[in-house]
Amino acid sequence: MAYINTAAHNEFAPLRRAAELLEGFKAKRELRRKYLELYNELDALSDRDLNDIGISRYNIADIARKHVYGA
């Protein structure tokens, strides 16, 4: 009787995992860049400008986080 080996070889599994980790890191770094960009733009506004758009300086971090991360 003949047997067929159907097991997949995972020779490149560690490389694939490293590539996935790198892509995840790049995505998180891009989100962090967007967060800091928005935070700095809002922080550069005067208190009067922030008041005109209905934002308290205290809430800048929360607003930037919700806008970028959607949480």
N, C-alpha and C. Protein backbone atom coordinates (compact mmCIF):
# COMPACT_ATOMS: atom_id res chain seq x y z
N MET A 1 0.84 -1.16 0.00
CA MET A 1 0.00 0.00 0.00
C MET A 1 0.90 1.23 0.00
N ALA A 2 0.54 2.22 -0.79
CA ALA A 2 1.33 3.44 -0.91
C ALA A 2 0.75 4.52 0.01
N TYR A 3 1.65 5.31 0.54
CA TYR A 3 1.23 6.41 1.41
C TYR A 3 1.63 7.73 0.76
N ILE A 4 0.77 8.70 0.93
CA ILE A 4 1.06 10.03 0.40
C ILE A 4 1.27 10.98 1.58
N ASN A 5 2.36 11.67 1.54
CA ASN A 5 2.64 12.63 2.59
C ASN A 5 1.95 13.95 2.24
N THR A 6 0.94 14.30 3.01
CA THR A 6 0.20 15.53 2.73
C THR A 6 0.53 16.65 3.72
N ALA A 7 1.49 16.42 4.57
CA ALA A 7 1.87 17.45 5.55
C ALA A 7 2.57 18.60 4.84
N ALA A 8 2.16 19.78 5.16
CA ALA A 8 2.78 20.97 4.57
C ALA A 8 4.09 21.26 5.30
N HIS A 9 5.07 21.60 4.54
CA HIS A 9 6.35 21.96 5.14
C HIS A 9 6.34 23.43 5.51
N ASN A 10 6.70 23.70 6.71
CA ASN A 10 6.73 25.08 7.19
C ASN A 10 8.16 25.57 7.33
N GLU A 11 8.93 25.40 6.28
CA GLU A 11 10.32 25.81 6.32
C GLU A 11 10.47 27.31 6.52
N PHE A 12 9.53 28.08 5.96
CA PHE A 12 9.64 29.53 6.00
C PHE A 12 8.71 30.15 7.04
N ALA A 13 8.17 29.36 7.93
CA ALA A 13 7.25 29.88 8.94
C ALA A 13 7.90 30.96 9.81
N PRO A 14 9.13 30.78 10.28
CA PRO A 14 9.74 31.86 11.08
C PRO A 14 9.93 33.15 10.28
N LEU A 15 10.30 33.03 9.01
CA LEU A 15 10.46 34.21 8.18
C LEU A 15 9.12 34.89 7.93
N ARG A 16 8.09 34.09 7.70
CA ARG A 16 6.76 34.63 7.48
C ARG A 16 6.28 35.37 8.72
N ARG A 17 6.52 34.77 9.89
CA ARG A 17 6.11 35.39 11.15
C ARG A 17 6.87 36.70 11.38
N ALA A 18 8.14 36.71 11.06
CA ALA A 18 8.93 37.94 11.21
C ALA A 18 8.40 39.03 10.27
N ALA A 19 8.03 38.65 9.06
CA ALA A 19 7.48 39.62 8.12
C ALA A 19 6.14 40.17 8.62
N GLU A 20 5.31 39.31 9.20
CA GLU A 20 4.03 39.75 9.75
C GLU A 20 4.24 40.70 10.92
N LEU A 21 5.21 40.40 11.77
CA LEU A 21 5.51 41.28 12.90
C LEU A 21 6.01 42.64 12.41
N LEU A 22 6.83 42.63 11.38
CA LEU A 22 7.35 43.87 10.82
C LEU A 22 6.22 44.72 10.23
N GLU A 23 5.30 44.08 9.51
CA GLU A 23 4.16 44.81 8.94
C GLU A 23 3.28 45.39 10.05
N GLY A 24 3.06 44.63 11.11
CA GLY A 24 2.28 45.13 12.23
C GLY A 24 2.95 46.32 12.89
N PHE A 25 4.26 46.25 13.03
CA PHE A 25 5.02 47.36 13.61
C PHE A 25 4.91 48.60 12.73
N LYS A 26 5.02 48.42 11.41
CA LYS A 26 4.92 49.55 10.50
C LYS A 26 3.54 50.21 10.57
N ALA A 27 2.49 49.39 10.65
CA ALA A 27 1.13 49.93 10.74
C ALA A 27 0.94 50.72 12.03
N LYS A 28 1.43 50.19 13.14
CA LYS A 28 1.30 50.89 14.42
C LYS A 28 2.11 52.18 14.42
N ARG A 29 3.29 52.14 13.82
CA ARG A 29 4.13 53.34 13.74
C ARG A 29 3.45 54.42 12.91
N GLU A 30 2.77 54.04 11.84
CA GLU A 30 2.05 55.00 11.00
C GLU A 30 0.89 55.62 11.76
N LEU A 31 0.15 54.81 12.52
CA LEU A 31 -0.94 55.35 13.34
C LEU A 31 -0.40 56.32 14.38
N ARG A 32 0.72 55.97 14.99
CA ARG A 32 1.31 56.85 15.99
C ARG A 32 1.75 58.17 15.36
N ARG A 33 2.29 58.11 14.14
CA ARG A 33 2.69 59.33 13.44
C ARG A 33 1.49 60.23 13.18
N LYS A 34 0.37 59.63 12.74
CA LYS A 34 -0.85 60.40 12.49
C LYS A 34 -1.39 61.02 13.78
N TYR A 35 -1.34 60.25 14.86
CA TYR A 35 -1.80 60.75 16.15
C TYR A 35 -0.97 61.97 16.57
N LEU A 36 0.34 61.85 16.51
CA LEU A 36 1.21 62.95 16.93
C LEU A 36 1.04 64.18 16.03
N GLU A 37 0.83 63.94 14.75
CA GLU A 37 0.62 65.05 13.82
C GLU A 37 -0.65 65.82 14.19
N LEU A 38 -1.74 65.10 14.42
CA LEU A 38 -3.00 65.75 14.78
C LEU A 38 -2.88 66.42 16.14
N TYR A 39 -2.28 65.74 17.09
CA TYR A 39 -2.10 66.31 18.43
C TYR A 39 -1.32 67.62 18.36
N ASN A 40 -0.23 67.62 17.63
CA ASN A 40 0.60 68.83 17.52
C ASN A 40 -0.12 69.96 16.80
N GLU A 41 -0.93 69.63 15.79
CA GLU A 41 -1.70 70.66 15.09
C GLU A 41 -2.71 71.31 16.03
N LEU A 42 -3.42 70.49 16.79
CA LEU A 42 -4.39 71.04 17.73
C LEU A 42 -3.70 71.80 18.86
N ASP A 43 -2.59 71.29 19.33
CA ASP A 43 -1.87 71.93 20.43
C ASP A 43 -1.29 73.28 20.01
N ALA A 44 -1.01 73.45 18.73
CA ALA A 44 -0.45 74.70 18.24
C ALA A 44 -1.50 75.81 18.16
N LEU A 45 -2.78 75.45 18.19
CA LEU A 45 -3.83 76.46 18.14
C LEU A 45 -3.88 77.23 19.45
N SER A 46 -4.31 78.48 19.35
CA SER A 46 -4.46 79.28 20.56
C SER A 46 -5.70 78.81 21.32
N ASP A 47 -5.79 79.21 22.58
CA ASP A 47 -6.97 78.87 23.38
C ASP A 47 -8.23 79.44 22.75
N ARG A 48 -8.12 80.61 22.16
CA ARG A 48 -9.28 81.23 21.51
C ARG A 48 -9.73 80.41 20.31
N ASP A 49 -8.77 79.97 19.48
CA ASP A 49 -9.12 79.14 18.31
C ASP A 49 -9.76 77.83 18.75
N LEU A 50 -9.19 77.21 19.77
CA LEU A 50 -9.76 75.96 20.28
C LEU A 50 -11.18 76.19 20.80
N ASN A 51 -11.39 77.30 21.50
CA ASN A 51 -12.71 77.61 22.02
C ASN A 51 -13.71 77.83 20.88
N ASP A 52 -13.25 78.44 19.79
CA ASP A 52 -14.12 78.66 18.64
C ASP A 52 -14.62 77.36 18.03
N ILE A 53 -13.80 76.32 18.06
CA ILE A 53 -14.24 75.04 17.49
C ILE A 53 -14.76 74.09 18.56
N GLY A 54 -14.88 74.58 19.78
CA GLY A 54 -15.51 73.80 20.84
C GLY A 54 -14.63 72.74 21.46
N ILE A 55 -13.34 72.98 21.50
CA ILE A 55 -12.41 72.00 22.07
C ILE A 55 -11.67 72.63 23.24
N SER A 56 -11.60 71.92 24.32
CA SER A 56 -10.80 72.34 25.46
C SER A 56 -9.38 71.81 25.28
N ARG A 57 -8.39 72.59 25.70
CA ARG A 57 -7.00 72.14 25.58
C ARG A 57 -6.80 70.82 26.33
N TYR A 58 -7.55 70.63 27.39
CA TYR A 58 -7.47 69.41 28.19
C TYR A 58 -7.88 68.18 27.38
N ASN A 59 -8.75 68.35 26.38
CA ASN A 59 -9.30 67.23 25.61
C ASN A 59 -8.54 66.92 24.32
N ILE A 60 -7.47 67.62 24.05
CA ILE A 60 -6.76 67.43 22.78
C ILE A 60 -6.29 65.99 22.60
N ALA A 61 -5.69 65.41 23.63
CA ALA A 61 -5.18 64.03 23.52
C ALA A 61 -6.31 63.05 23.26
N ASP A 62 -7.43 63.21 23.96
CA ASP A 62 -8.57 62.30 23.76
C ASP A 62 -9.14 62.43 22.35
N ILE A 63 -9.26 63.64 21.87
CA ILE A 63 -9.82 63.87 20.53
C ILE A 63 -8.90 63.27 19.47
N ALA A 64 -7.60 63.49 19.60
CA ALA A 64 -6.64 62.94 18.63
C ALA A 64 -6.67 61.42 18.66
N ARG A 65 -6.73 60.84 19.85
CA ARG A 65 -6.76 59.37 19.99
C ARG A 65 -8.02 58.79 19.34
N LYS A 66 -9.17 59.40 19.61
CA LYS A 66 -10.42 58.89 19.04
C LYS A 66 -10.43 59.03 17.52
N HIS A 67 -9.89 60.13 17.02
CA HIS A 67 -9.88 60.34 15.58
C HIS A 67 -8.99 59.33 14.85
N VAL A 68 -7.82 59.07 15.41
CA VAL A 68 -6.85 58.20 14.73
C VAL A 68 -7.14 56.72 15.00
N TYR A 69 -7.35 56.37 16.25
CA TYR A 69 -7.51 54.96 16.62
C TYR A 69 -8.97 54.51 16.63
N GLY A 70 -9.89 55.47 16.60
CA GLY A 70 -11.30 55.13 16.56
C GLY A 70 -11.85 54.53 17.84
N ALA A 71 -11.15 54.70 18.94
CA ALA A 71 -11.62 54.09 20.19
C ALA A 71 -12.41 55.07 20.96
